[in-house]
Amino acid sequence: GGYMLFVVLVEIFLRGGAPHPVASLLNAGATFAIVFMICLSLLVLRFNLLLEPVRPSPAVELDVAEQALLQRLDEAIANKLYRREALTVAAMAKELQTQEHKLRALVNHKMGFRNFNDFLNRHRIADACAQLADPARASTPVLTIALSLGYGSIGPFNRAFKQATGLTPTLYRRQKLGIVSATQGARF
């Protein structure tokens, strides 16, 4: 707002005359700085999404049966069952020895996820972020990581990863590991 007020006052002062070239350069620089700061703040907000807990807190109280199911689900996640390829809510319910509708209700209504795939992707992407940021796995291809997490191909993994983090897996890895590519290093 202060910048806009300053520009209006300068325009009034010039009364339609051409501004000095230095003033135009300062105006362009200030505009660039403002846009850059806005973009940076949006990027920081997007990265903060990764710091959220993997499981949203339940919106409502859980009864005893739901608490037991949640405990079994947490154990299955701790055992990395989400890495199983083509895992469906039916297959997970069978693994947890419960009915599909009960698991779906727990994940969707009690835990606050949009659907079962959102639940799976949240765990898979958190795991992918840890693997991509690990220097010991820097030479592991992104496709190998995607397949190990249960994705059938690179496309769905890239889309889910970019939706969750705002970055492609390769760019995320480069930023976390401090890798500068040849094309990035050549820019001024």
N, C-alpha and C. Protein backbone atom coordinates (compact mmCIF):
# COMPACT_ATOMS: atom_id res chain seq x y z
N GLY A 1 0.81 -1.19 0.00
CA GLY A 1 0.00 0.00 0.00
C GLY A 1 0.85 1.26 0.00
N GLY A 2 1.94 1.23 0.80
CA GLY A 2 2.84 2.38 0.86
C GLY A 2 3.52 2.61 -0.48
N TYR A 3 3.88 1.54 -1.14
CA TYR A 3 4.52 1.65 -2.45
C TYR A 3 3.55 2.27 -3.46
N MET A 4 2.31 1.82 -3.43
CA MET A 4 1.32 2.36 -4.37
C MET A 4 1.09 3.84 -4.11
N LEU A 5 1.02 4.25 -2.85
CA LEU A 5 0.86 5.66 -2.50
C LEU A 5 2.03 6.47 -3.03
N PHE A 6 3.24 5.95 -2.88
CA PHE A 6 4.44 6.61 -3.38
C PHE A 6 4.37 6.79 -4.90
N VAL A 7 3.95 5.76 -5.63
CA VAL A 7 3.84 5.83 -7.10
C VAL A 7 2.81 6.88 -7.50
N VAL A 8 1.67 6.91 -6.82
CA VAL A 8 0.63 7.90 -7.14
C VAL A 8 1.15 9.32 -6.90
N LEU A 9 1.84 9.55 -5.80
CA LEU A 9 2.39 10.88 -5.51
C LEU A 9 3.41 11.29 -6.57
N VAL A 10 4.25 10.36 -7.00
CA VAL A 10 5.23 10.67 -8.04
C VAL A 10 4.52 11.02 -9.35
N GLU A 11 3.48 10.27 -9.69
CA GLU A 11 2.72 10.55 -10.92
C GLU A 11 2.06 11.94 -10.84
N ILE A 12 1.53 12.27 -9.68
CA ILE A 12 0.92 13.59 -9.51
C ILE A 12 2.00 14.68 -9.65
N PHE A 13 3.13 14.46 -9.05
CA PHE A 13 4.24 15.41 -9.11
C PHE A 13 4.73 15.61 -10.54
N LEU A 14 4.81 14.54 -11.32
CA LEU A 14 5.31 14.62 -12.70
C LEU A 14 4.27 15.21 -13.66
N ARG A 15 3.01 15.12 -13.31
CA ARG A 15 1.90 15.65 -14.12
C ARG A 15 1.97 15.18 -15.56
N GLY A 16 2.13 13.88 -15.74
CA GLY A 16 2.11 13.31 -17.09
C GLY A 16 3.44 13.37 -17.80
N GLY A 17 4.45 13.97 -17.20
CA GLY A 17 5.77 14.03 -17.82
C GLY A 17 6.48 12.69 -17.72
N ALA A 18 7.51 12.53 -18.50
CA ALA A 18 8.28 11.29 -18.49
C ALA A 18 9.16 11.25 -17.24
N PRO A 19 9.18 10.11 -16.55
CA PRO A 19 10.02 10.01 -15.36
C PRO A 19 11.50 9.86 -15.77
N HIS A 20 12.35 10.20 -14.87
CA HIS A 20 13.78 10.04 -15.09
C HIS A 20 14.09 8.55 -15.24
N PRO A 21 15.06 8.15 -16.10
CA PRO A 21 15.36 6.72 -16.28
C PRO A 21 15.73 6.01 -14.98
N VAL A 22 16.38 6.68 -14.07
CA VAL A 22 16.72 6.07 -12.79
C VAL A 22 15.45 5.78 -11.99
N ALA A 23 14.48 6.68 -12.05
CA ALA A 23 13.21 6.47 -11.35
C ALA A 23 12.47 5.26 -11.94
N SER A 24 12.53 5.12 -13.26
CA SER A 24 11.89 3.95 -13.89
C SER A 24 12.58 2.66 -13.46
N LEU A 25 13.90 2.68 -13.38
CA LEU A 25 14.65 1.51 -12.95
C LEU A 25 14.32 1.17 -11.49
N LEU A 26 14.23 2.20 -10.63
CA LEU A 26 13.87 1.96 -9.24
C LEU A 26 12.45 1.39 -9.13
N ASN A 27 11.55 1.90 -9.95
CA ASN A 27 10.17 1.41 -9.96
C ASN A 27 10.14 -0.07 -10.36
N ALA A 28 10.87 -0.42 -11.40
CA ALA A 28 10.91 -1.82 -11.85
C ALA A 28 11.53 -2.71 -10.78
N GLY A 29 12.59 -2.24 -10.17
CA GLY A 29 13.24 -3.02 -9.11
C GLY A 29 12.34 -3.23 -7.91
N ALA A 30 11.63 -2.19 -7.51
CA ALA A 30 10.72 -2.30 -6.37
C ALA A 30 9.57 -3.26 -6.70
N THR A 31 9.04 -3.17 -7.91
CA THR A 31 7.97 -4.07 -8.33
C THR A 31 8.46 -5.51 -8.30
N PHE A 32 9.65 -5.74 -8.84
CA PHE A 32 10.21 -7.09 -8.83
C PHE A 32 10.39 -7.59 -7.39
N ALA A 33 10.90 -6.76 -6.51
CA ALA A 33 11.13 -7.16 -5.13
C ALA A 33 9.81 -7.53 -4.44
N ILE A 34 8.77 -6.76 -4.68
CA ILE A 34 7.47 -7.04 -4.07
C ILE A 34 6.91 -8.37 -4.57
N VAL A 35 6.96 -8.58 -5.89
CA VAL A 35 6.46 -9.83 -6.47
C VAL A 35 7.29 -11.01 -5.97
N PHE A 36 8.61 -10.82 -5.89
CA PHE A 36 9.50 -11.89 -5.41
C PHE A 36 9.15 -12.26 -3.97
N MET A 37 8.93 -11.28 -3.12
CA MET A 37 8.61 -11.55 -1.72
C MET A 37 7.25 -12.27 -1.59
N ILE A 38 6.30 -11.88 -2.41
CA ILE A 38 4.99 -12.56 -2.38
C ILE A 38 5.16 -14.02 -2.79
N CYS A 39 5.89 -14.26 -3.88
CA CYS A 39 6.12 -15.63 -4.34
C CYS A 39 6.88 -16.44 -3.29
N LEU A 40 7.85 -15.85 -2.66
CA LEU A 40 8.63 -16.54 -1.64
C LEU A 40 7.75 -16.89 -0.44
N SER A 41 6.87 -15.98 -0.05
CA SER A 41 6.00 -16.27 1.08
C SER A 41 5.02 -17.39 0.74
N LEU A 42 4.55 -17.46 -0.50
CA LEU A 42 3.67 -18.55 -0.90
C LEU A 42 4.42 -19.87 -0.92
N LEU A 43 5.66 -19.85 -1.36
CA LEU A 43 6.47 -21.05 -1.38
C LEU A 43 6.73 -21.55 0.04
N VAL A 44 7.00 -20.66 0.95
CA VAL A 44 7.23 -21.04 2.35
C VAL A 44 5.96 -21.63 2.93
N LEU A 45 4.82 -21.06 2.62
CA LEU A 45 3.56 -21.60 3.11
C LEU A 45 3.34 -23.02 2.60
N ARG A 46 3.71 -23.28 1.34
CA ARG A 46 3.54 -24.60 0.75
C ARG A 46 4.45 -25.62 1.43
N PHE A 47 5.70 -25.24 1.73
CA PHE A 47 6.62 -26.14 2.40
C PHE A 47 6.14 -26.45 3.81
N ASN A 48 5.47 -25.52 4.45
CA ASN A 48 4.98 -25.76 5.81
C ASN A 48 3.91 -26.83 5.83
N LEU A 49 3.29 -27.11 4.70
CA LEU A 49 2.32 -28.19 4.65
C LEU A 49 2.97 -29.52 4.96
N LEU A 50 4.26 -29.66 4.64
CA LEU A 50 4.97 -30.90 4.91
C LEU A 50 5.22 -31.09 6.40
N LEU A 51 5.15 -30.03 7.16
CA LEU A 51 5.42 -30.12 8.58
C LEU A 51 4.18 -30.52 9.38
N GLU A 52 3.03 -30.59 8.70
CA GLU A 52 1.81 -31.00 9.39
C GLU A 52 1.94 -32.46 9.79
N PRO A 53 1.22 -32.87 10.83
CA PRO A 53 1.25 -34.29 11.18
C PRO A 53 0.69 -35.12 10.02
N VAL A 54 1.16 -36.34 9.89
CA VAL A 54 0.73 -37.19 8.79
C VAL A 54 -0.75 -37.50 8.90
N ARG A 55 -1.26 -37.60 10.11
CA ARG A 55 -2.67 -37.90 10.29
C ARG A 55 -3.35 -36.70 10.95
N PRO A 56 -4.39 -36.14 10.30
CA PRO A 56 -5.11 -35.05 10.96
C PRO A 56 -5.72 -35.54 12.26
N SER A 57 -5.86 -34.65 13.20
CA SER A 57 -6.47 -35.06 14.45
C SER A 57 -7.95 -35.36 14.22
N PRO A 58 -8.46 -36.38 14.90
CA PRO A 58 -9.87 -36.73 14.70
C PRO A 58 -10.78 -35.56 15.05
N ALA A 59 -11.79 -35.37 14.21
CA ALA A 59 -12.71 -34.27 14.42
C ALA A 59 -13.72 -34.60 15.52
N VAL A 60 -13.92 -35.89 15.77
CA VAL A 60 -14.90 -36.31 16.78
C VAL A 60 -14.26 -37.38 17.68
N GLU A 61 -14.93 -37.65 18.77
CA GLU A 61 -14.47 -38.69 19.69
C GLU A 61 -14.64 -40.06 19.05
N LEU A 62 -13.71 -40.95 19.35
CA LEU A 62 -13.77 -42.32 18.83
C LEU A 62 -14.30 -43.25 19.91
N ASP A 63 -15.16 -44.19 19.50
CA ASP A 63 -15.60 -45.18 20.48
C ASP A 63 -14.52 -46.25 20.62
N VAL A 64 -14.74 -47.21 21.47
CA VAL A 64 -13.73 -48.22 21.78
C VAL A 64 -13.36 -49.03 20.53
N ALA A 65 -14.33 -49.41 19.74
CA ALA A 65 -14.05 -50.20 18.53
C ALA A 65 -13.25 -49.38 17.52
N GLU A 66 -13.59 -48.11 17.39
CA GLU A 66 -12.85 -47.24 16.47
C GLU A 66 -11.42 -47.01 16.96
N GLN A 67 -11.24 -46.87 18.25
CA GLN A 67 -9.89 -46.71 18.80
C GLN A 67 -9.04 -47.95 18.54
N ALA A 68 -9.65 -49.12 18.68
CA ALA A 68 -8.93 -50.37 18.40
C ALA A 68 -8.57 -50.46 16.92
N LEU A 69 -9.50 -50.08 16.05
CA LEU A 69 -9.23 -50.09 14.62
C LEU A 69 -8.14 -49.07 14.27
N LEU A 70 -8.19 -47.91 14.90
CA LEU A 70 -7.16 -46.89 14.66
C LEU A 70 -5.79 -47.40 15.09
N GLN A 71 -5.75 -48.11 16.20
CA GLN A 71 -4.47 -48.66 16.67
C GLN A 71 -3.94 -49.69 15.67
N ARG A 72 -4.82 -50.55 15.15
CA ARG A 72 -4.38 -51.54 14.15
C ARG A 72 -3.94 -50.84 12.87
N LEU A 73 -4.63 -49.77 12.50
CA LEU A 73 -4.26 -49.01 11.30
C LEU A 73 -2.90 -48.35 11.49
N ASP A 74 -2.67 -47.77 12.66
CA ASP A 74 -1.37 -47.15 12.95
C ASP A 74 -0.24 -48.18 12.90
N GLU A 75 -0.50 -49.38 13.40
CA GLU A 75 0.50 -50.45 13.34
C GLU A 75 0.79 -50.85 11.90
N ALA A 76 -0.27 -50.92 11.08
CA ALA A 76 -0.09 -51.27 9.67
C ALA A 76 0.73 -50.20 8.95
N ILE A 77 0.49 -48.94 9.29
CA ILE A 77 1.26 -47.84 8.69
C ILE A 77 2.70 -47.89 9.18
N ALA A 78 2.90 -48.17 10.45
CA ALA A 78 4.26 -48.28 10.99
C ALA A 78 5.03 -49.41 10.31
N ASN A 79 4.32 -50.46 9.91
CA ASN A 79 4.93 -51.57 9.17
C ASN A 79 5.00 -51.30 7.67
N LYS A 80 4.66 -50.08 7.29
CA LYS A 80 4.76 -49.60 5.92
C LYS A 80 3.87 -50.38 4.93
N LEU A 81 2.69 -50.76 5.40
CA LEU A 81 1.73 -51.45 4.54
C LEU A 81 1.31 -50.55 3.38
N TYR A 82 1.38 -49.24 3.56
CA TYR A 82 0.99 -48.30 2.50
C TYR A 82 1.88 -48.43 1.27
N ARG A 83 3.01 -49.10 1.38
CA ARG A 83 3.91 -49.28 0.24
C ARG A 83 3.42 -50.36 -0.73
N ARG A 84 2.44 -51.12 -0.32
CA ARG A 84 1.94 -52.20 -1.18
C ARG A 84 1.28 -51.60 -2.44
N GLU A 85 1.68 -52.10 -3.60
CA GLU A 85 1.16 -51.57 -4.85
C GLU A 85 -0.32 -51.88 -4.99
N ALA A 86 -1.05 -50.94 -5.55
CA ALA A 86 -2.48 -51.06 -5.83
C ALA A 86 -3.27 -51.39 -4.57
N LEU A 87 -2.86 -50.84 -3.45
CA LEU A 87 -3.56 -51.06 -2.19
C LEU A 87 -4.90 -50.34 -2.23
N THR A 88 -5.96 -51.06 -1.93
CA THR A 88 -7.30 -50.48 -1.91
C THR A 88 -7.83 -50.48 -0.48
N VAL A 89 -8.91 -49.77 -0.30
CA VAL A 89 -9.53 -49.75 1.03
C VAL A 89 -10.03 -51.14 1.39
N ALA A 90 -10.48 -51.90 0.40
CA ALA A 90 -10.95 -53.27 0.65
C ALA A 90 -9.79 -54.16 1.11
N ALA A 91 -8.64 -54.05 0.43
CA ALA A 91 -7.48 -54.86 0.80
C ALA A 91 -6.97 -54.48 2.19
N MET A 92 -6.97 -53.19 2.50
CA MET A 92 -6.53 -52.74 3.82
C MET A 92 -7.51 -53.23 4.89
N ALA A 93 -8.81 -53.17 4.61
CA ALA A 93 -9.81 -53.65 5.57
C ALA A 93 -9.62 -55.13 5.84
N LYS A 94 -9.35 -55.88 4.78
CA LYS A 94 -9.12 -57.33 4.94
C LYS A 94 -7.88 -57.56 5.80
N GLU A 95 -6.82 -56.78 5.55
CA GLU A 95 -5.58 -56.90 6.32
C GLU A 95 -5.82 -56.59 7.80
N LEU A 96 -6.69 -55.61 8.06
CA LEU A 96 -6.97 -55.19 9.44
C LEU A 96 -8.11 -55.99 10.08
N GLN A 97 -8.65 -56.94 9.33
CA GLN A 97 -9.74 -57.78 9.79
C GLN A 97 -10.94 -56.96 10.26
N THR A 98 -11.37 -56.08 9.37
CA THR A 98 -12.54 -55.26 9.65
C THR A 98 -13.35 -55.13 8.37
N GLN A 99 -14.50 -54.52 8.50
CA GLN A 99 -15.34 -54.30 7.33
C GLN A 99 -14.88 -53.02 6.62
N GLU A 100 -15.02 -53.04 5.31
CA GLU A 100 -14.55 -51.92 4.48
C GLU A 100 -15.23 -50.61 4.88
N HIS A 101 -16.53 -50.64 5.11
CA HIS A 101 -17.23 -49.40 5.43
C HIS A 101 -16.77 -48.81 6.77
N LYS A 102 -16.36 -49.66 7.70
CA LYS A 102 -15.87 -49.16 8.99
C LYS A 102 -14.52 -48.46 8.82
N LEU A 103 -13.65 -49.06 8.01
CA LEU A 103 -12.36 -48.44 7.74
C LEU A 103 -12.54 -47.14 6.98
N ARG A 104 -13.41 -47.15 5.99
CA ARG A 104 -13.67 -45.94 5.21
C ARG A 104 -14.23 -44.83 6.10
N ALA A 105 -15.13 -45.17 6.99
CA ALA A 105 -15.71 -44.17 7.90
C ALA A 105 -14.64 -43.61 8.83
N LEU A 106 -13.74 -44.47 9.32
CA LEU A 106 -12.67 -44.01 10.20
C LEU A 106 -11.75 -43.04 9.45
N VAL A 107 -11.32 -43.43 8.28
CA VAL A 107 -10.37 -42.61 7.50
C VAL A 107 -11.02 -41.31 7.05
N ASN A 108 -12.22 -41.39 6.53
CA ASN A 108 -12.86 -40.20 5.96
C ASN A 108 -13.48 -39.29 7.01
N HIS A 109 -14.31 -39.84 7.84
CA HIS A 109 -15.10 -39.00 8.75
C HIS A 109 -14.41 -38.73 10.08
N LYS A 110 -13.71 -39.71 10.60
CA LYS A 110 -13.11 -39.55 11.92
C LYS A 110 -11.70 -38.96 11.83
N MET A 111 -10.93 -39.36 10.83
CA MET A 111 -9.55 -38.88 10.71
C MET A 111 -9.45 -37.63 9.85
N GLY A 112 -10.48 -37.32 9.07
CA GLY A 112 -10.51 -36.08 8.32
C GLY A 112 -9.89 -36.11 6.94
N PHE A 113 -9.62 -37.28 6.39
CA PHE A 113 -9.09 -37.35 5.02
C PHE A 113 -10.25 -37.30 4.03
N ARG A 114 -9.95 -36.79 2.83
CA ARG A 114 -10.98 -36.73 1.78
C ARG A 114 -11.44 -38.12 1.39
N ASN A 115 -10.47 -39.03 1.21
CA ASN A 115 -10.76 -40.40 0.82
C ASN A 115 -9.55 -41.27 1.16
N PHE A 116 -9.65 -42.55 0.86
CA PHE A 116 -8.58 -43.48 1.20
C PHE A 116 -7.30 -43.18 0.42
N ASN A 117 -7.43 -42.78 -0.84
CA ASN A 117 -6.23 -42.45 -1.62
C ASN A 117 -5.50 -41.24 -1.04
N ASP A 118 -6.24 -40.27 -0.53
CA ASP A 118 -5.62 -39.12 0.13
C ASP A 118 -4.84 -39.58 1.35
N PHE A 119 -5.41 -40.50 2.10
CA PHE A 119 -4.73 -41.09 3.26
C PHE A 119 -3.45 -41.79 2.84
N LEU A 120 -3.52 -42.64 1.81
CA LEU A 120 -2.34 -43.35 1.32
C LEU A 120 -1.27 -42.38 0.82
N ASN A 121 -1.70 -41.42 0.00
CA ASN A 121 -0.74 -40.47 -0.57
C ASN A 121 -0.03 -39.67 0.51
N ARG A 122 -0.73 -39.32 1.57
CA ARG A 122 -0.12 -38.55 2.64
C ARG A 122 1.06 -39.30 3.25
N HIS A 123 0.87 -40.60 3.48
CA HIS A 123 1.94 -41.42 4.04
C HIS A 123 3.04 -41.69 3.02
N ARG A 124 2.63 -41.97 1.80
CA ARG A 124 3.62 -42.26 0.75
C ARG A 124 4.49 -41.04 0.45
N ILE A 125 3.89 -39.86 0.39
CA ILE A 125 4.65 -38.65 0.07
C ILE A 125 5.58 -38.28 1.23
N ALA A 126 5.12 -38.47 2.46
CA ALA A 126 5.99 -38.21 3.60
C ALA A 126 7.21 -39.13 3.56
N ASP A 127 6.99 -40.39 3.21
CA ASP A 127 8.08 -41.35 3.06
C ASP A 127 8.99 -40.94 1.90
N ALA A 128 8.39 -40.52 0.79
CA ALA A 128 9.18 -40.09 -0.37
C ALA A 128 10.05 -38.89 -0.03
N CYS A 129 9.51 -37.95 0.72
CA CYS A 129 10.29 -36.76 1.11
C CYS A 129 11.51 -37.18 1.93
N ALA A 130 11.32 -38.11 2.84
CA ALA A 130 12.44 -38.58 3.66
C ALA A 130 13.49 -39.26 2.80
N GLN A 131 13.05 -40.08 1.85
CA GLN A 131 14.00 -40.78 0.98
C GLN A 131 14.73 -39.82 0.04
N LEU A 132 14.00 -38.86 -0.51
CA LEU A 132 14.62 -37.91 -1.45
C LEU A 132 15.60 -36.98 -0.75
N ALA A 133 15.39 -36.72 0.52
CA ALA A 133 16.28 -35.82 1.26
C ALA A 133 17.46 -36.57 1.89
N ASP A 134 17.49 -37.88 1.76
CA ASP A 134 18.54 -38.70 2.37
C ASP A 134 19.77 -38.72 1.45
N PRO A 135 20.91 -38.19 1.89
CA PRO A 135 22.12 -38.20 1.05
C PRO A 135 22.56 -39.60 0.65
N ALA A 136 22.27 -40.59 1.48
CA ALA A 136 22.66 -41.96 1.16
C ALA A 136 21.87 -42.52 -0.02
N ARG A 137 20.73 -41.91 -0.32
CA ARG A 137 19.88 -42.37 -1.43
C ARG A 137 19.91 -41.41 -2.61
N ALA A 138 20.89 -40.53 -2.65
CA ALA A 138 20.96 -39.51 -3.70
C ALA A 138 21.06 -40.09 -5.10
N SER A 139 21.64 -41.27 -5.22
CA SER A 139 21.78 -41.88 -6.55
C SER A 139 20.62 -42.81 -6.90
N THR A 140 19.69 -43.01 -5.98
CA THR A 140 18.53 -43.85 -6.25
C THR A 140 17.58 -43.10 -7.19
N PRO A 141 17.23 -43.69 -8.33
CA PRO A 141 16.33 -43.01 -9.26
C PRO A 141 14.96 -42.73 -8.62
N VAL A 142 14.36 -41.63 -9.02
CA VAL A 142 13.03 -41.26 -8.51
C VAL A 142 12.02 -42.36 -8.83
N LEU A 143 12.14 -42.97 -10.01
CA LEU A 143 11.23 -44.05 -10.38
C LEU A 143 11.32 -45.22 -9.40
N THR A 144 12.51 -45.56 -8.99
CA THR A 144 12.70 -46.65 -8.03
C THR A 144 12.01 -46.32 -6.70
N ILE A 145 12.15 -45.08 -6.26
CA ILE A 145 11.49 -44.65 -5.03
C ILE A 145 9.97 -44.72 -5.20
N ALA A 146 9.47 -44.23 -6.32
CA ALA A 146 8.02 -44.25 -6.58
C ALA A 146 7.49 -45.68 -6.56
N LEU A 147 8.17 -46.59 -7.23
CA LEU A 147 7.71 -47.98 -7.27
C LEU A 147 7.79 -48.64 -5.90
N SER A 148 8.82 -48.29 -5.12
CA SER A 148 8.95 -48.88 -3.79
C SER A 148 7.87 -48.40 -2.83
N LEU A 149 7.25 -47.27 -3.15
CA LEU A 149 6.19 -46.72 -2.30
C LEU A 149 4.80 -47.19 -2.68
N GLY A 150 4.71 -48.04 -3.71
CA GLY A 150 3.42 -48.59 -4.09
C GLY A 150 2.78 -47.94 -5.30
N TYR A 151 3.44 -46.96 -5.90
CA TYR A 151 2.90 -46.36 -7.11
C TYR A 151 3.21 -47.28 -8.28
N GLY A 152 2.27 -47.42 -9.21
CA GLY A 152 2.45 -48.30 -10.36
C GLY A 152 3.31 -47.70 -11.44
N SER A 153 3.43 -46.37 -11.46
CA SER A 153 4.24 -45.69 -12.47
C SER A 153 4.65 -44.32 -11.94
N ILE A 154 5.50 -43.65 -12.69
CA ILE A 154 6.04 -42.36 -12.25
C ILE A 154 5.01 -41.23 -12.32
N GLY A 155 4.08 -41.30 -13.26
CA GLY A 155 3.11 -40.21 -13.47
C GLY A 155 2.27 -39.90 -12.23
N PRO A 156 1.55 -40.90 -11.70
CA PRO A 156 0.74 -40.62 -10.50
C PRO A 156 1.59 -40.16 -9.31
N PHE A 157 2.79 -40.71 -9.19
CA PHE A 157 3.68 -40.29 -8.11
C PHE A 157 4.06 -38.82 -8.27
N ASN A 158 4.48 -38.43 -9.47
CA ASN A 158 4.86 -37.04 -9.70
C ASN A 158 3.70 -36.09 -9.42
N ARG A 159 2.50 -36.45 -9.87
CA ARG A 159 1.32 -35.58 -9.65
C ARG A 159 1.02 -35.45 -8.16
N ALA A 160 1.01 -36.58 -7.45
CA ALA A 160 0.72 -36.54 -6.02
C ALA A 160 1.80 -35.77 -5.27
N PHE A 161 3.05 -35.97 -5.65
CA PHE A 161 4.15 -35.30 -4.97
C PHE A 161 4.08 -33.79 -5.19
N LYS A 162 3.85 -33.40 -6.44
CA LYS A 162 3.80 -31.97 -6.74
C LYS A 162 2.58 -31.31 -6.07
N GLN A 163 1.47 -32.03 -6.02
CA GLN A 163 0.29 -31.47 -5.36
C GLN A 163 0.55 -31.27 -3.87
N ALA A 164 1.27 -32.18 -3.25
CA ALA A 164 1.53 -32.09 -1.81
C ALA A 164 2.62 -31.09 -1.47
N THR A 165 3.66 -30.98 -2.31
CA THR A 165 4.81 -30.15 -1.95
C THR A 165 4.97 -28.90 -2.80
N GLY A 166 4.33 -28.87 -3.97
CA GLY A 166 4.51 -27.74 -4.87
C GLY A 166 5.75 -27.88 -5.74
N LEU A 167 6.49 -28.99 -5.59
CA LEU A 167 7.72 -29.22 -6.34
C LEU A 167 7.69 -30.60 -6.98
N THR A 168 8.46 -30.77 -8.04
CA THR A 168 8.65 -32.10 -8.58
C THR A 168 9.59 -32.86 -7.64
N PRO A 169 9.56 -34.18 -7.66
CA PRO A 169 10.47 -34.94 -6.79
C PRO A 169 11.94 -34.60 -7.04
N THR A 170 12.32 -34.43 -8.30
CA THR A 170 13.71 -34.13 -8.63
C THR A 170 14.12 -32.77 -8.07
N LEU A 171 13.28 -31.77 -8.24
CA LEU A 171 13.60 -30.44 -7.71
C LEU A 171 13.62 -30.46 -6.18
N TYR A 172 12.72 -31.20 -5.57
CA TYR A 172 12.71 -31.33 -4.11
C TYR A 172 14.03 -31.92 -3.64
N ARG A 173 14.47 -32.99 -4.30
CA ARG A 173 15.74 -33.63 -3.93
C ARG A 173 16.89 -32.65 -4.08
N ARG A 174 16.93 -31.92 -5.19
CA ARG A 174 18.02 -30.97 -5.41
C ARG A 174 18.05 -29.91 -4.32
N GLN A 175 16.89 -29.41 -3.94
CA GLN A 175 16.85 -28.38 -2.91
C GLN A 175 17.28 -28.93 -1.55
N LYS A 176 16.80 -30.12 -1.21
CA LYS A 176 17.12 -30.69 0.10
C LYS A 176 18.59 -31.09 0.19
N LEU A 177 19.16 -31.56 -0.92
CA LEU A 177 20.55 -32.01 -0.89
C LEU A 177 21.53 -30.93 -1.33
N GLY A 178 21.01 -29.75 -1.73
CA GLY A 178 21.88 -28.66 -2.14
C GLY A 178 22.57 -28.91 -3.46
N ILE A 179 21.90 -29.66 -4.35
CA ILE A 179 22.48 -29.97 -5.66
C ILE A 179 22.11 -28.87 -6.63
N VAL A 180 23.09 -28.34 -7.32
CA VAL A 180 22.87 -27.31 -8.34
C VAL A 180 23.16 -27.96 -9.68
N SER A 181 22.17 -27.98 -10.56
CA SER A 181 22.39 -28.57 -11.88
C SER A 181 23.19 -27.62 -12.75
N ALA A 182 23.68 -28.12 -13.86
CA ALA A 182 24.50 -27.31 -14.78
C ALA A 182 23.70 -26.15 -15.34
N THR A 183 22.41 -26.37 -15.60
CA THR A 183 21.60 -25.27 -16.16
C THR A 183 21.29 -24.23 -15.09
N GLN A 184 21.13 -24.65 -13.84
CA GLN A 184 20.86 -23.67 -12.79
C GLN A 184 22.11 -22.85 -12.49
N GLY A 185 23.27 -23.47 -12.52
CA GLY A 185 24.52 -22.78 -12.21
C GLY A 185 24.91 -21.77 -13.27
N ALA A 186 24.41 -21.96 -14.52
CA ALA A 186 24.79 -21.08 -15.61
C ALA A 186 23.97 -19.78 -15.64
N ARG A 187 22.87 -19.74 -14.88
CA ARG A 187 22.01 -18.55 -14.89
C ARG A 187 22.63 -17.45 -14.06
N PHE A 188 22.32 -16.21 -14.45
CA PHE A 188 22.81 -15.04 -13.71
C PHE A 188 21.68 -14.25 -13.15
